[in-house]
Amino acid sequence: MAELFVLLLYINGSVREHMGYWEDPNTGSWTELGISGCLAMKRTLKRQGWKDLPSGQTRFSCEKRSVELKTDSDGNIVIAKVL
């Protein structure tokens, strides 16, 4: 278990998608997103046309959350579960 800043997609109040790591194009390695990376990704999504609904039914949020980690088939550390 670890605490990470993660980008969460909420749909109808439930977490449907999450992102806590990204592939660094300079090194090709997986890097923790962190708060600055999370906010940058959220801005990128908005520039590409994503809009949070005023009703709150769908929204992206950057949050520090406890997560369960695992290693994927490529040997990268990924989030298995948001707790």
Protein backbone atom coordinates (compact mmCIF):
# COMPACT_ATOMS: atom_id res chain seq x y z
CA MET A 1 0.00 0.00 0.00
CA ALA A 2 1.18 3.53 -0.81
CA GLU A 3 -0.13 7.09 -0.89
CA LEU A 4 -0.02 8.74 -4.31
CA PHE A 5 -1.56 11.67 -6.11
CA VAL A 6 -3.88 10.11 -8.65
CA LEU A 7 -6.12 11.46 -11.39
CA LEU A 8 -9.57 10.00 -10.83
CA LEU A 9 -12.55 9.93 -13.19
CA TYR A 10 -15.81 9.97 -11.25
CA ILE A 11 -19.02 8.87 -12.96
CA ASN A 12 -22.19 9.17 -10.89
CA GLY A 13 -20.12 9.49 -7.71
CA SER A 14 -18.05 6.31 -8.24
CA VAL A 15 -14.41 6.10 -9.32
CA ARG A 16 -14.40 4.51 -12.81
CA GLU A 17 -10.83 5.19 -13.98
CA HIS A 18 -7.58 6.19 -12.32
CA MET A 19 -4.06 7.18 -13.31
CA GLY A 20 -1.08 7.46 -10.99
CA TYR A 21 1.89 6.78 -13.29
CA TRP A 22 2.89 7.88 -16.77
CA GLU A 23 5.60 6.86 -19.22
CA ASP A 24 8.41 9.44 -19.35
CA PRO A 25 9.14 10.02 -23.08
CA ASN A 26 12.78 10.91 -22.33
CA THR A 27 13.67 7.74 -20.43
CA GLY A 28 10.86 5.35 -21.37
CA SER A 29 10.38 4.49 -17.70
CA TRP A 30 7.21 4.70 -15.60
CA THR A 31 7.17 7.76 -13.33
CA GLU A 32 4.87 8.67 -10.46
CA LEU A 33 2.38 11.32 -11.58
CA GLY A 34 2.62 13.58 -8.52
CA ILE A 35 0.47 16.67 -8.01
CA SER A 36 2.05 18.70 -10.83
CA GLY A 37 1.71 15.84 -13.31
CA CYS A 38 -1.86 15.22 -12.22
CA LEU A 39 -2.87 18.84 -12.72
CA ALA A 40 -1.04 18.95 -16.07
CA MET A 41 -2.91 15.87 -17.28
CA LYS A 42 -6.23 17.36 -16.13
CA ARG A 43 -5.45 20.59 -18.08
CA THR A 44 -4.56 18.53 -21.16
CA LEU A 45 -7.87 16.69 -20.98
CA LYS A 46 -9.77 19.99 -20.74
CA ARG A 47 -7.87 21.38 -23.75
CA GLN A 48 -8.86 18.28 -25.71
CA GLY A 49 -12.53 18.94 -25.03
CA TRP A 50 -13.34 17.20 -21.72
CA LYS A 51 -15.86 19.12 -19.66
CA ASP A 52 -16.90 18.25 -16.13
CA LEU A 53 -20.68 18.24 -15.92
CA PRO A 54 -22.11 20.92 -13.61
CA SER A 55 -24.27 18.24 -11.99
CA GLY A 56 -21.10 16.45 -10.87
CA GLN A 57 -22.14 13.22 -12.60
CA THR A 58 -18.83 13.06 -14.46
CA ARG A 59 -15.66 14.83 -13.35
CA PHE A 60 -11.89 14.45 -13.13
CA SER A 61 -10.21 15.09 -9.78
CA CYS A 62 -6.59 15.09 -8.53
CA GLU A 63 -6.50 13.54 -5.07
CA LYS A 64 -3.95 12.07 -2.69
CA ARG A 65 -5.26 8.56 -2.08
CA SER A 66 -4.12 5.28 -0.57
CA VAL A 67 -3.60 2.76 -3.35
CA GLU A 68 -2.65 -0.88 -3.71
CA LEU A 69 0.24 -1.38 -6.15
CA LYS A 70 1.17 -4.32 -8.36
CA THR A 71 3.65 -5.10 -11.12
CA ASP A 72 2.15 -5.55 -14.60
CA SER A 73 3.25 -8.02 -17.27
CA ASP A 74 5.85 -5.53 -18.59
CA GLY A 75 7.42 -5.14 -15.14
CA ASN A 76 5.96 -1.66 -14.53
CA ILE A 77 4.52 -0.68 -11.15
CA VAL A 78 0.84 0.18 -11.59
CA ILE A 79 -2.15 0.87 -9.38
CA ALA A 80 -4.16 -2.28 -8.74
CA LYS A 81 -6.82 -0.66 -6.60
CA VAL A 82 -7.74 2.76 -5.19
CA LEU A 83 -8.61 2.35 -1.52
